[in-house]
Amino acid sequence: MKKRKIKNRKLSRVFIIGSLFILLGITLISLKIYSNYYLDKQEDKAIQEYLDYKPDTTVKVDNSTTTIKEEKETVTYNYIAVLDIPKINLKRGLFPINDKNNNVDKNVEILQNSDMPNVTNGTLALAGHSGNSRIAYFHKLYKLKENDQVYIYYQNEKYIYQVSKIERQDKDGTISFTKTKDTTELILTTCDQQNKGKQIVVVAKLVDKIPY
């Protein structure tokens, strides 16, 4: 009888310890989900603030000093543009090229030597991770097809691009594409999850722009 009781006690301890580990795991997963949810909400709010922002160009006269002041407002998150791809339900704020957050490990990255949309015949190149992590913002980029539209909101203008070409290229740290004469283009790139060692390169041409 003593041996049986000792064995039962050991099993009870194993069960309790196992239950504690399971509870700890569930708690950590729940905290991670909540953290991601909170960050998503904060970023969505910042994107909307950027889209709602309109520069105030009115002039205010201070009669006490007779100096002229221009009203200024601040925009959070330091976004300079917003990328919107309705086909894959993606909307991300973009940081200045030299900002520490303009990094593929943190956000959709504006690649060096890119031109912003207002540069005639320029090229804006954006890179993002694919996969299953929270920062894999381009994980559905493979779903884009020719003629799908991509939008860039920049300086109170909505730039409308239309996908013209989709390629799979070797992943060697560079992007190869032939610049079409007299066109303003947008390049989107990410790793190809179906073909290791390859990258997806989406080329889109500017077809219109409208105030927003």
N, C-alpha and C. Protein backbone atom coordinates (compact mmCIF):
# COMPACT_ATOMS: atom_id res chain seq x y z
N MET A 1 0.82 -1.21 0.00
CA MET A 1 0.00 0.00 0.00
C MET A 1 0.86 1.27 0.00
N LYS A 2 1.99 1.27 0.73
CA LYS A 2 2.85 2.44 0.81
C LYS A 2 3.41 2.79 -0.56
N LYS A 3 3.88 1.76 -1.30
CA LYS A 3 4.42 2.00 -2.64
C LYS A 3 3.38 2.64 -3.53
N ARG A 4 2.16 2.17 -3.45
CA ARG A 4 1.08 2.71 -4.29
C ARG A 4 0.81 4.17 -3.93
N LYS A 5 0.82 4.53 -2.64
CA LYS A 5 0.58 5.90 -2.22
C LYS A 5 1.69 6.82 -2.70
N ILE A 6 2.94 6.37 -2.62
CA ILE A 6 4.07 7.17 -3.08
C ILE A 6 3.95 7.42 -4.57
N LYS A 7 3.58 6.42 -5.31
CA LYS A 7 3.42 6.57 -6.76
C LYS A 7 2.31 7.56 -7.07
N ASN A 8 1.21 7.48 -6.36
CA ASN A 8 0.10 8.40 -6.58
C ASN A 8 0.50 9.84 -6.28
N ARG A 9 1.34 10.02 -5.22
CA ARG A 9 1.79 11.36 -4.89
C ARG A 9 2.66 11.93 -6.01
N LYS A 10 3.53 11.08 -6.55
CA LYS A 10 4.39 11.52 -7.66
C LYS A 10 3.56 11.92 -8.87
N LEU A 11 2.54 11.12 -9.17
CA LEU A 11 1.66 11.45 -10.29
C LEU A 11 0.92 12.76 -10.04
N SER A 12 0.53 12.98 -8.79
CA SER A 12 -0.17 14.21 -8.45
C SER A 12 0.72 15.42 -8.64
N ARG A 13 2.01 15.29 -8.25
CA ARG A 13 2.95 16.39 -8.43
C ARG A 13 3.17 16.70 -9.90
N VAL A 14 3.33 15.63 -10.69
CA VAL A 14 3.52 15.80 -12.12
C VAL A 14 2.32 16.51 -12.75
N PHE A 15 1.13 16.13 -12.32
CA PHE A 15 -0.09 16.75 -12.84
C PHE A 15 -0.16 18.23 -12.49
N ILE A 16 0.20 18.56 -11.23
CA ILE A 16 0.15 19.96 -10.79
C ILE A 16 1.17 20.80 -11.54
N ILE A 17 2.41 20.28 -11.65
CA ILE A 17 3.46 21.02 -12.36
C ILE A 17 3.09 21.20 -13.83
N GLY A 18 2.55 20.12 -14.44
CA GLY A 18 2.14 20.22 -15.84
C GLY A 18 1.04 21.25 -16.03
N SER A 19 0.11 21.28 -15.11
CA SER A 19 -1.00 22.24 -15.19
C SER A 19 -0.50 23.67 -15.07
N LEU A 20 0.50 23.87 -14.17
CA LEU A 20 1.07 25.21 -14.01
C LEU A 20 1.77 25.68 -15.28
N PHE A 21 2.50 24.75 -15.93
CA PHE A 21 3.18 25.10 -17.18
C PHE A 21 2.16 25.44 -18.28
N ILE A 22 1.09 24.68 -18.35
CA ILE A 22 0.03 24.95 -19.34
C ILE A 22 -0.60 26.31 -19.07
N LEU A 23 -0.88 26.60 -17.81
CA LEU A 23 -1.48 27.88 -17.44
C LEU A 23 -0.55 29.04 -17.78
N LEU A 24 0.76 28.84 -17.50
CA LEU A 24 1.74 29.87 -17.82
C LEU A 24 1.81 30.11 -19.33
N GLY A 25 1.78 29.02 -20.10
CA GLY A 25 1.81 29.14 -21.56
C GLY A 25 0.60 29.89 -22.09
N ILE A 26 -0.58 29.56 -21.57
CA ILE A 26 -1.81 30.23 -21.99
C ILE A 26 -1.74 31.73 -21.65
N THR A 27 -1.21 32.05 -20.46
CA THR A 27 -1.09 33.45 -20.04
C THR A 27 -0.17 34.22 -20.97
N LEU A 28 0.99 33.63 -21.29
CA LEU A 28 1.95 34.31 -22.17
C LEU A 28 1.38 34.52 -23.57
N ILE A 29 0.67 33.51 -24.08
CA ILE A 29 0.05 33.63 -25.41
C ILE A 29 -1.02 34.72 -25.38
N SER A 30 -1.81 34.76 -24.31
CA SER A 30 -2.86 35.77 -24.19
C SER A 30 -2.28 37.17 -24.14
N LEU A 31 -1.18 37.33 -23.39
CA LEU A 31 -0.52 38.64 -23.32
C LEU A 31 0.02 39.06 -24.67
N LYS A 32 0.57 38.11 -25.43
CA LYS A 32 1.10 38.41 -26.76
C LYS A 32 -0.02 38.83 -27.71
N ILE A 33 -1.14 38.13 -27.66
CA ILE A 33 -2.29 38.47 -28.50
C ILE A 33 -2.81 39.86 -28.16
N TYR A 34 -2.91 40.15 -26.86
CA TYR A 34 -3.40 41.47 -26.44
C TYR A 34 -2.43 42.56 -26.87
N SER A 35 -1.12 42.30 -26.72
CA SER A 35 -0.11 43.28 -27.11
C SER A 35 -0.20 43.59 -28.59
N ASN A 36 -0.33 42.56 -29.42
CA ASN A 36 -0.45 42.75 -30.87
C ASN A 36 -1.73 43.51 -31.21
N TYR A 37 -2.82 43.18 -30.51
CA TYR A 37 -4.09 43.87 -30.74
C TYR A 37 -3.97 45.35 -30.40
N TYR A 38 -3.31 45.64 -29.27
CA TYR A 38 -3.14 47.03 -28.84
C TYR A 38 -2.29 47.80 -29.85
N LEU A 39 -1.19 47.19 -30.31
CA LEU A 39 -0.33 47.85 -31.30
C LEU A 39 -1.08 48.10 -32.60
N ASP A 40 -1.86 47.11 -33.03
CA ASP A 40 -2.63 47.27 -34.27
C ASP A 40 -3.59 48.45 -34.16
N LYS A 41 -4.25 48.58 -33.01
CA LYS A 41 -5.20 49.67 -32.80
C LYS A 41 -4.49 51.02 -32.79
N GLN A 42 -3.33 51.08 -32.14
CA GLN A 42 -2.57 52.32 -32.09
C GLN A 42 -2.11 52.74 -33.49
N GLU A 43 -1.65 51.78 -34.27
CA GLU A 43 -1.18 52.08 -35.62
C GLU A 43 -2.34 52.48 -36.54
N ASP A 44 -3.47 51.80 -36.39
CA ASP A 44 -4.66 52.18 -37.18
C ASP A 44 -5.08 53.62 -36.85
N LYS A 45 -5.01 53.96 -35.57
CA LYS A 45 -5.37 55.32 -35.16
C LYS A 45 -4.41 56.34 -35.75
N ALA A 46 -3.10 56.01 -35.75
CA ALA A 46 -2.09 56.92 -36.29
C ALA A 46 -2.26 57.10 -37.79
N ILE A 47 -2.60 56.02 -38.48
CA ILE A 47 -2.83 56.10 -39.93
C ILE A 47 -4.01 57.01 -40.22
N GLN A 48 -5.09 56.85 -39.44
CA GLN A 48 -6.28 57.68 -39.66
C GLN A 48 -5.98 59.13 -39.37
N GLU A 49 -5.16 59.39 -38.35
CA GLU A 49 -4.77 60.77 -38.04
C GLU A 49 -3.99 61.38 -39.20
N TYR A 50 -3.13 60.57 -39.80
CA TYR A 50 -2.36 61.07 -40.96
C TYR A 50 -3.31 61.40 -42.11
N LEU A 51 -4.25 60.51 -42.37
CA LEU A 51 -5.17 60.72 -43.49
C LEU A 51 -6.10 61.90 -43.23
N ASP A 52 -6.42 62.14 -41.97
CA ASP A 52 -7.33 63.24 -41.62
C ASP A 52 -6.62 64.59 -41.53
N TYR A 53 -5.29 64.55 -41.46
CA TYR A 53 -4.53 65.78 -41.25
C TYR A 53 -4.59 66.69 -42.48
N LYS A 54 -4.91 67.93 -42.25
CA LYS A 54 -4.91 68.94 -43.30
C LYS A 54 -4.10 70.14 -42.80
N PRO A 55 -3.06 70.52 -43.50
CA PRO A 55 -2.24 71.67 -43.05
C PRO A 55 -3.09 72.92 -42.90
N ASP A 56 -2.89 73.62 -41.80
CA ASP A 56 -3.60 74.86 -41.55
C ASP A 56 -2.73 76.02 -42.02
N THR A 57 -3.11 76.63 -43.11
CA THR A 57 -2.29 77.70 -43.70
C THR A 57 -2.81 79.08 -43.33
N THR A 58 -3.74 79.12 -42.39
CA THR A 58 -4.25 80.43 -41.97
C THR A 58 -3.19 81.19 -41.20
N VAL A 59 -3.28 82.50 -41.24
CA VAL A 59 -2.31 83.37 -40.57
C VAL A 59 -2.99 84.05 -39.39
N LYS A 60 -2.33 84.01 -38.25
CA LYS A 60 -2.88 84.61 -37.04
C LYS A 60 -2.04 85.82 -36.65
N VAL A 61 -2.70 86.95 -36.38
CA VAL A 61 -2.00 88.17 -35.99
C VAL A 61 -2.13 88.37 -34.49
N ASP A 62 -0.99 88.47 -33.84
CA ASP A 62 -0.96 88.75 -32.40
C ASP A 62 -0.87 90.26 -32.23
N ASN A 63 -2.01 90.90 -31.85
CA ASN A 63 -2.06 92.36 -31.76
C ASN A 63 -1.14 92.95 -30.70
N SER A 64 -0.80 92.14 -29.72
CA SER A 64 0.03 92.67 -28.65
C SER A 64 1.47 92.88 -29.09
N THR A 65 1.93 92.10 -30.04
CA THR A 65 3.31 92.23 -30.49
C THR A 65 3.41 92.57 -31.97
N THR A 66 2.27 92.57 -32.66
CA THR A 66 2.18 92.83 -34.09
C THR A 66 3.08 91.92 -34.93
N THR A 67 3.33 90.72 -34.41
CA THR A 67 4.07 89.73 -35.19
C THR A 67 3.08 88.76 -35.82
N ILE A 68 3.51 88.14 -36.93
CA ILE A 68 2.64 87.19 -37.65
C ILE A 68 3.10 85.77 -37.36
N LYS A 69 2.15 84.94 -36.97
CA LYS A 69 2.47 83.54 -36.66
C LYS A 69 1.64 82.61 -37.55
N GLU A 70 2.25 81.52 -37.91
CA GLU A 70 1.54 80.51 -38.70
C GLU A 70 1.15 79.36 -37.79
N GLU A 71 -0.12 78.96 -37.85
CA GLU A 71 -0.59 77.86 -37.03
C GLU A 71 0.05 76.55 -37.48
N LYS A 72 0.48 75.73 -36.51
CA LYS A 72 1.07 74.43 -36.83
C LYS A 72 0.43 73.35 -35.98
N GLU A 73 0.35 72.17 -36.56
CA GLU A 73 -0.18 71.03 -35.83
C GLU A 73 0.85 69.91 -35.89
N THR A 74 0.77 69.00 -34.93
CA THR A 74 1.71 67.88 -34.91
C THR A 74 1.00 66.59 -35.32
N VAL A 75 1.72 65.71 -35.97
CA VAL A 75 1.18 64.42 -36.38
C VAL A 75 1.98 63.34 -35.68
N THR A 76 1.30 62.41 -35.03
CA THR A 76 1.99 61.36 -34.31
C THR A 76 2.55 60.32 -35.27
N TYR A 77 3.45 59.49 -34.72
CA TYR A 77 4.08 58.37 -35.44
C TYR A 77 5.01 58.81 -36.57
N ASN A 78 5.07 60.08 -36.88
CA ASN A 78 6.01 60.58 -37.89
C ASN A 78 5.82 59.93 -39.26
N TYR A 79 4.61 59.51 -39.58
CA TYR A 79 4.35 58.95 -40.91
C TYR A 79 4.48 60.04 -41.97
N ILE A 80 5.04 59.68 -43.13
CA ILE A 80 5.09 60.63 -44.24
C ILE A 80 4.16 60.21 -45.37
N ALA A 81 3.65 59.00 -45.31
CA ALA A 81 2.76 58.50 -46.35
C ALA A 81 2.04 57.26 -45.82
N VAL A 82 1.02 56.84 -46.54
CA VAL A 82 0.28 55.62 -46.19
C VAL A 82 0.15 54.74 -47.43
N LEU A 83 0.50 53.47 -47.28
CA LEU A 83 0.33 52.48 -48.33
C LEU A 83 -0.99 51.76 -48.11
N ASP A 84 -1.79 51.63 -49.17
CA ASP A 84 -3.10 50.97 -49.07
C ASP A 84 -3.24 49.98 -50.23
N ILE A 85 -3.38 48.69 -49.90
CA ILE A 85 -3.60 47.65 -50.92
C ILE A 85 -4.90 46.94 -50.60
N PRO A 86 -6.03 47.41 -51.13
CA PRO A 86 -7.33 46.83 -50.79
C PRO A 86 -7.42 45.34 -51.08
N LYS A 87 -6.80 44.85 -52.15
CA LYS A 87 -6.90 43.44 -52.54
C LYS A 87 -6.47 42.50 -51.42
N ILE A 88 -5.48 42.92 -50.64
CA ILE A 88 -4.99 42.05 -49.56
C ILE A 88 -5.26 42.66 -48.18
N ASN A 89 -6.14 43.66 -48.15
CA ASN A 89 -6.58 44.27 -46.89
C ASN A 89 -5.40 44.77 -46.06
N LEU A 90 -4.50 45.51 -46.71
CA LEU A 90 -3.32 46.04 -46.04
C LEU A 90 -3.31 47.56 -46.09
N LYS A 91 -3.10 48.16 -44.94
CA LYS A 91 -2.92 49.61 -44.88
C LYS A 91 -1.85 49.90 -43.82
N ARG A 92 -0.73 50.48 -44.28
CA ARG A 92 0.39 50.73 -43.39
C ARG A 92 0.92 52.15 -43.55
N GLY A 93 1.26 52.77 -42.42
CA GLY A 93 1.93 54.06 -42.47
C GLY A 93 3.39 53.85 -42.84
N LEU A 94 3.97 54.79 -43.57
CA LEU A 94 5.36 54.70 -43.99
C LEU A 94 6.19 55.79 -43.31
N PHE A 95 7.38 55.42 -42.87
CA PHE A 95 8.27 56.36 -42.18
C PHE A 95 9.28 56.96 -43.16
N PRO A 96 9.87 58.12 -42.82
CA PRO A 96 10.92 58.69 -43.66
C PRO A 96 12.07 57.70 -43.85
N ILE A 97 12.77 57.82 -44.96
CA ILE A 97 13.83 56.87 -45.30
C ILE A 97 14.86 56.74 -44.19
N ASN A 98 15.24 57.84 -43.56
CA ASN A 98 16.29 57.81 -42.55
C ASN A 98 15.78 57.58 -41.13
N ASP A 99 14.48 57.34 -40.99
CA ASP A 99 13.91 57.07 -39.67
C ASP A 99 14.28 55.65 -39.23
N LYS A 100 14.52 55.47 -37.93
CA LYS A 100 14.91 54.15 -37.41
C LYS A 100 13.80 53.11 -37.61
N ASN A 101 12.56 53.58 -37.74
CA ASN A 101 11.44 52.66 -37.94
C ASN A 101 11.24 52.29 -39.40
N ASN A 102 11.97 52.96 -40.30
CA ASN A 102 11.91 52.58 -41.71
C ASN A 102 12.85 51.39 -41.90
N ASN A 103 12.39 50.25 -41.42
CA ASN A 103 13.19 49.03 -41.39
C ASN A 103 12.26 47.86 -41.64
N VAL A 104 12.69 46.95 -42.50
CA VAL A 104 11.83 45.82 -42.87
C VAL A 104 11.51 44.94 -41.66
N ASP A 105 12.33 45.01 -40.61
CA ASP A 105 12.07 44.23 -39.41
C ASP A 105 11.09 44.92 -38.46
N LYS A 106 10.64 46.13 -38.83
CA LYS A 106 9.68 46.86 -38.02
C LYS A 106 8.44 47.27 -38.79
N ASN A 107 8.57 47.47 -40.08
CA ASN A 107 7.48 48.04 -40.86
C ASN A 107 7.71 47.74 -42.34
N VAL A 108 6.82 48.21 -43.19
CA VAL A 108 7.10 48.22 -44.62
C VAL A 108 8.18 49.27 -44.84
N GLU A 109 9.26 48.90 -45.52
CA GLU A 109 10.42 49.78 -45.66
C GLU A 109 10.46 50.48 -47.02
N ILE A 110 10.70 51.80 -46.98
CA ILE A 110 10.99 52.54 -48.21
C ILE A 110 12.47 52.32 -48.51
N LEU A 111 12.78 51.71 -49.64
CA LEU A 111 14.16 51.40 -49.97
C LEU A 111 14.94 52.65 -50.37
N GLN A 112 16.23 52.60 -50.10
CA GLN A 112 17.11 53.71 -50.43
C GLN A 112 17.04 54.05 -51.92
N ASN A 113 17.24 55.31 -52.23
CA ASN A 113 17.20 55.83 -53.60
C ASN A 113 15.80 55.84 -54.21
N SER A 114 14.79 55.63 -53.37
CA SER A 114 13.41 55.71 -53.85
C SER A 114 13.00 57.16 -54.06
N ASP A 115 12.04 57.36 -54.96
CA ASP A 115 11.42 58.67 -55.17
C ASP A 115 10.02 58.64 -54.57
N MET A 116 9.61 59.72 -53.96
CA MET A 116 8.24 59.78 -53.48
C MET A 116 7.30 59.98 -54.68
N PRO A 117 6.01 59.69 -54.50
CA PRO A 117 5.07 59.67 -55.64
C PRO A 117 4.98 60.97 -56.42
N ASN A 118 5.28 62.10 -55.79
CA ASN A 118 5.15 63.38 -56.48
C ASN A 118 6.29 63.67 -57.45
N VAL A 119 7.29 62.79 -57.50
CA VAL A 119 8.40 62.95 -58.44
C VAL A 119 8.00 62.35 -59.79
N THR A 120 7.88 63.19 -60.80
CA THR A 120 7.47 62.74 -62.12
C THR A 120 8.48 61.74 -62.69
N ASN A 121 7.97 60.62 -63.17
CA ASN A 121 8.79 59.54 -63.74
C ASN A 121 9.73 58.90 -62.72
N GLY A 122 9.43 59.06 -61.45
CA GLY A 122 10.24 58.45 -60.40
C GLY A 122 9.81 57.04 -60.09
N THR A 123 10.54 56.40 -59.18
CA THR A 123 10.23 55.03 -58.76
C THR A 123 10.29 54.94 -57.24
N LEU A 124 9.18 54.51 -56.65
CA LEU A 124 9.11 54.28 -55.21
C LEU A 124 9.16 52.77 -54.99
N ALA A 125 10.15 52.29 -54.23
CA ALA A 125 10.31 50.86 -53.98
C ALA A 125 10.08 50.55 -52.50
N LEU A 126 9.20 49.58 -52.23
CA LEU A 126 8.85 49.20 -50.87
C LEU A 126 9.11 47.72 -50.66
N ALA A 127 9.66 47.37 -49.50
CA ALA A 127 9.92 45.98 -49.16
C ALA A 127 9.25 45.63 -47.84
N GLY A 128 8.78 44.39 -47.73
CA GLY A 128 8.16 43.93 -46.51
C GLY A 128 8.39 42.44 -46.33
N HIS A 129 8.29 41.99 -45.09
CA HIS A 129 8.46 40.56 -44.81
C HIS A 129 7.20 39.78 -45.22
N SER A 130 7.41 38.51 -45.52
CA SER A 130 6.30 37.57 -45.67
C SER A 130 6.50 36.47 -44.64
N GLY A 131 5.52 35.60 -44.50
CA GLY A 131 5.61 34.57 -43.47
C GLY A 131 4.42 34.65 -42.54
N ASN A 132 4.63 34.32 -41.25
CA ASN A 132 3.51 34.25 -40.31
C ASN A 132 3.64 35.18 -39.12
N SER A 133 4.73 35.95 -39.02
CA SER A 133 4.91 36.83 -37.88
C SER A 133 4.06 38.10 -38.01
N ARG A 134 3.98 38.86 -36.93
CA ARG A 134 3.19 40.09 -36.96
C ARG A 134 3.73 41.09 -37.97
N ILE A 135 5.05 41.10 -38.17
CA ILE A 135 5.65 42.07 -39.09
C ILE A 135 5.67 41.58 -40.54
N ALA A 136 5.03 40.45 -40.80
CA ALA A 136 5.00 39.93 -42.18
C ALA A 136 3.88 40.62 -42.95
N TYR A 137 4.06 41.92 -43.18
CA TYR A 137 2.99 42.73 -43.77
C TYR A 137 2.74 42.39 -45.24
N PHE A 138 3.73 41.81 -45.91
CA PHE A 138 3.56 41.46 -47.32
C PHE A 138 3.31 39.97 -47.52
N HIS A 139 2.80 39.29 -46.51
CA HIS A 139 2.62 37.84 -46.63
C HIS A 139 1.53 37.45 -47.64
N LYS A 140 0.68 38.39 -48.03
CA LYS A 140 -0.35 38.10 -49.04
C LYS A 140 -0.06 38.78 -50.37
N LEU A 141 1.15 39.29 -50.52
CA LEU A 141 1.49 40.02 -51.75
C LEU A 141 1.34 39.14 -52.99
N TYR A 142 1.55 37.83 -52.81
CA TYR A 142 1.45 36.90 -53.94
C TYR A 142 0.04 36.86 -54.55
N LYS A 143 -0.95 37.36 -53.83
CA LYS A 143 -2.32 37.34 -54.32
C LYS A 143 -2.61 38.43 -55.35
N LEU A 144 -1.72 39.41 -55.47
CA LEU A 144 -1.95 40.49 -56.43
C LEU A 144 -1.88 39.98 -57.86
N LYS A 145 -2.72 40.53 -58.71
CA LYS A 145 -2.76 40.19 -60.13
C LYS A 145 -2.63 41.47 -60.94
N GLU A 146 -2.37 41.31 -62.21
CA GLU A 146 -2.30 42.48 -63.10
C GLU A 146 -3.62 43.23 -63.06
N ASN A 147 -3.52 44.55 -63.10
CA ASN A 147 -4.65 45.48 -63.07
C ASN A 147 -5.22 45.73 -61.68
N ASP A 148 -4.75 45.01 -60.66
CA ASP A 148 -5.14 45.36 -59.29
C ASP A 148 -4.58 46.74 -58.96
N GLN A 149 -5.27 47.43 -58.06
CA GLN A 149 -4.84 48.79 -57.73
C GLN A 149 -4.18 48.87 -56.36
N VAL A 150 -3.20 49.76 -56.29
CA VAL A 150 -2.48 50.05 -55.05
C VAL A 150 -2.48 51.57 -54.87
N TYR A 151 -2.71 52.03 -53.64
CA TYR A 151 -2.78 53.46 -53.39
C TYR A 151 -1.67 53.92 -52.45
N ILE A 152 -1.14 55.09 -52.73
CA ILE A 152 -0.23 55.77 -51.81
C ILE A 152 -0.84 57.13 -51.48
N TYR A 153 -1.04 57.38 -50.18
CA TYR A 153 -1.53 58.68 -49.73
C TYR A 153 -0.31 59.50 -49.31
N TYR A 154 -0.14 60.65 -49.95
CA TYR A 154 1.06 61.44 -49.70
C TYR A 154 0.77 62.91 -49.90
N GLN A 155 1.04 63.70 -48.88
CA GLN A 155 0.85 65.15 -48.95
C GLN A 155 -0.53 65.53 -49.50
N ASN A 156 -1.56 64.91 -48.90
CA ASN A 156 -2.96 65.20 -49.23
C ASN A 156 -3.33 64.86 -50.67
N GLU A 157 -2.58 63.96 -51.28
CA GLU A 157 -2.91 63.44 -52.60
C GLU A 157 -2.99 61.92 -52.53
N LYS A 158 -3.97 61.35 -53.21
CA LYS A 158 -4.09 59.90 -53.32
C LYS A 158 -3.55 59.49 -54.69
N TYR A 159 -2.42 58.78 -54.68
CA TYR A 159 -1.79 58.33 -55.91
C TYR A 159 -2.28 56.92 -56.22
N ILE A 160 -2.83 56.75 -57.40
CA ILE A 160 -3.45 55.48 -57.79
C ILE A 160 -2.55 54.75 -58.78
N TYR A 161 -2.09 53.58 -58.35
CA TYR A 161 -1.22 52.75 -59.19
C TYR A 161 -1.98 51.50 -59.65
N GLN A 162 -1.61 51.01 -60.81
CA GLN A 162 -2.20 49.79 -61.35
C GLN A 162 -1.10 48.77 -61.63
N VAL A 163 -1.27 47.56 -61.10
CA VAL A 163 -0.25 46.52 -61.27
C VAL A 163 -0.10 46.18 -62.75
N SER A 164 1.13 46.24 -63.25
CA SER A 164 1.39 45.96 -64.66
C SER A 164 2.23 44.70 -64.87
N LYS A 165 2.94 44.27 -63.81
CA LYS A 165 3.81 43.12 -63.98
C LYS A 165 4.12 42.48 -62.63
N ILE A 166 4.19 41.15 -62.60
CA ILE A 166 4.57 40.42 -61.39
C ILE A 166 5.61 39.38 -61.78
N GLU A 167 6.75 39.42 -61.10
CA GLU A 167 7.85 38.51 -61.44
C GLU A 167 8.36 37.77 -60.20
N ARG A 168 8.98 36.62 -60.44
CA ARG A 168 9.75 35.91 -59.42
C ARG A 168 11.22 36.05 -59.81
N GLN A 169 12.02 36.61 -58.93
CA GLN A 169 13.43 36.81 -59.20
C GLN A 169 14.28 36.14 -58.13
N ASP A 170 15.54 35.89 -58.47
CA ASP A 170 16.47 35.35 -57.47
C ASP A 170 16.63 36.34 -56.34
N LYS A 171 16.66 35.81 -55.12
CA LYS A 171 16.82 36.65 -53.95
C LYS A 171 18.32 36.85 -53.71
N ASP A 172 18.84 37.96 -54.23
CA ASP A 172 20.27 38.22 -54.11
C ASP A 172 20.57 39.61 -53.54
N GLY A 173 19.55 40.21 -52.92
CA GLY A 173 19.75 41.52 -52.32
C GLY A 173 19.50 42.68 -53.26
N THR A 174 19.11 42.38 -54.50
CA THR A 174 18.82 43.45 -55.46
C THR A 174 17.48 43.18 -56.13
N ILE A 175 16.93 44.21 -56.77
CA ILE A 175 15.70 44.09 -57.56
C ILE A 175 16.03 44.51 -58.98
N SER A 176 15.66 43.68 -59.93
CA SER A 176 15.90 44.01 -61.34
C SER A 176 14.57 44.34 -62.02
N PHE A 177 14.54 45.48 -62.69
CA PHE A 177 13.35 45.83 -63.47
C PHE A 177 13.74 46.84 -64.54
N THR A 178 12.99 46.82 -65.63
CA THR A 178 13.23 47.75 -66.72
C THR A 178 12.33 48.95 -66.55
N LYS A 179 12.94 50.11 -66.39
CA LYS A 179 12.16 51.34 -66.18
C LYS A 179 11.47 51.73 -67.48
N THR A 180 10.14 51.80 -67.40
CA THR A 180 9.36 52.22 -68.56
C THR A 180 9.48 53.72 -68.74
N LYS A 181 9.72 54.15 -69.95
CA LYS A 181 9.92 55.57 -70.24
C LYS A 181 8.64 56.36 -69.94
N ASP A 182 8.84 57.53 -69.36
CA ASP A 182 7.75 58.47 -69.07
C ASP A 182 6.66 57.87 -68.20
N THR A 183 7.04 57.06 -67.22
CA THR A 183 6.06 56.52 -66.27
C THR A 183 6.57 56.68 -64.85
N THR A 184 5.63 56.88 -63.94
CA THR A 184 5.94 56.92 -62.51
C THR A 184 5.53 55.57 -61.94
N GLU A 185 6.45 54.91 -61.26
CA GLU A 185 6.21 53.52 -60.89
C GLU A 185 6.35 53.26 -59.39
N LEU A 186 5.72 52.16 -58.98
CA LEU A 186 5.79 51.67 -57.62
C LEU A 186 6.24 50.21 -57.67
N ILE A 187 7.27 49.88 -56.87
CA ILE A 187 7.76 48.51 -56.80
C ILE A 187 7.49 47.96 -55.40
N LEU A 188 6.91 46.76 -55.33
CA LEU A 188 6.68 46.08 -54.06
C LEU A 188 7.42 44.75 -54.10
N THR A 189 8.14 44.42 -53.05
CA THR A 189 8.89 43.17 -53.07
C THR A 189 8.88 42.48 -51.71
N THR A 190 8.93 41.14 -51.74
CA THR A 190 8.99 40.33 -50.53
C THR A 190 9.52 38.95 -50.90
N CYS A 191 9.88 38.17 -49.89
CA CYS A 191 10.35 36.80 -50.14
C CYS A 191 9.20 35.95 -50.65
N ASP A 192 9.51 35.02 -51.55
CA ASP A 192 8.52 34.09 -52.08
C ASP A 192 8.48 32.87 -51.18
N GLN A 193 7.39 32.70 -50.45
CA GLN A 193 7.28 31.60 -49.50
C GLN A 193 7.10 30.24 -50.18
N GLN A 194 6.65 30.25 -51.43
CA GLN A 194 6.46 28.98 -52.15
C GLN A 194 7.74 28.53 -52.85
N ASN A 195 8.61 29.48 -53.18
CA ASN A 195 9.85 29.16 -53.89
C ASN A 195 11.02 29.77 -53.12
N LYS A 196 11.65 28.95 -52.29
CA LYS A 196 12.77 29.42 -51.48
C LYS A 196 13.90 29.91 -52.38
N GLY A 197 14.52 31.00 -51.97
CA GLY A 197 15.59 31.57 -52.76
C GLY A 197 15.09 32.54 -53.82
N LYS A 198 13.76 32.73 -53.86
CA LYS A 198 13.16 33.65 -54.83
C LYS A 198 12.48 34.81 -54.09
N GLN A 199 12.24 35.88 -54.81
CA GLN A 199 11.50 37.01 -54.27
C GLN A 199 10.42 37.42 -55.28
N ILE A 200 9.31 37.90 -54.74
CA ILE A 200 8.23 38.40 -55.58
C ILE A 200 8.48 39.89 -55.83
N VAL A 201 8.38 40.29 -57.07
CA VAL A 201 8.55 41.71 -57.43
C VAL A 201 7.31 42.15 -58.20
N VAL A 202 6.57 43.07 -57.60
CA VAL A 202 5.35 43.61 -58.21
C VAL A 202 5.64 45.01 -58.73
N VAL A 203 5.35 45.23 -60.00
CA VAL A 203 5.56 46.55 -60.61
C VAL A 203 4.19 47.16 -60.90
N ALA A 204 3.98 48.39 -60.45
CA ALA A 204 2.71 49.08 -60.70
C ALA A 204 2.99 50.47 -61.26
N LYS A 205 2.14 50.92 -62.16
CA LYS A 205 2.31 52.22 -62.79
C LYS A 205 1.28 53.21 -62.29
N LEU A 206 1.72 54.45 -62.13
CA LEU A 206 0.79 55.50 -61.71
C LEU A 206 -0.18 55.81 -62.84
N VAL A 207 -1.49 55.73 -62.52
CA VAL A 207 -2.49 55.97 -63.54
C VAL A 207 -3.33 57.22 -63.24
N ASP A 208 -3.30 57.68 -61.98
CA ASP A 208 -4.09 58.85 -61.64
C ASP A 208 -3.70 59.33 -60.24
N LYS A 209 -4.09 60.55 -59.92
CA LYS A 209 -3.96 61.06 -58.56
C LYS A 209 -5.09 62.04 -58.31
N ILE A 210 -5.59 62.01 -57.09
CA ILE A 210 -6.71 62.87 -56.72
C ILE A 210 -6.49 63.39 -55.30
N PRO A 211 -7.00 64.58 -55.00
CA PRO A 211 -6.91 65.07 -53.62
C PRO A 211 -7.79 64.19 -52.71
N TYR A 212 -7.44 64.13 -51.46
CA TYR A 212 -8.30 63.39 -50.51
C TYR A 212 -8.52 64.22 -49.26
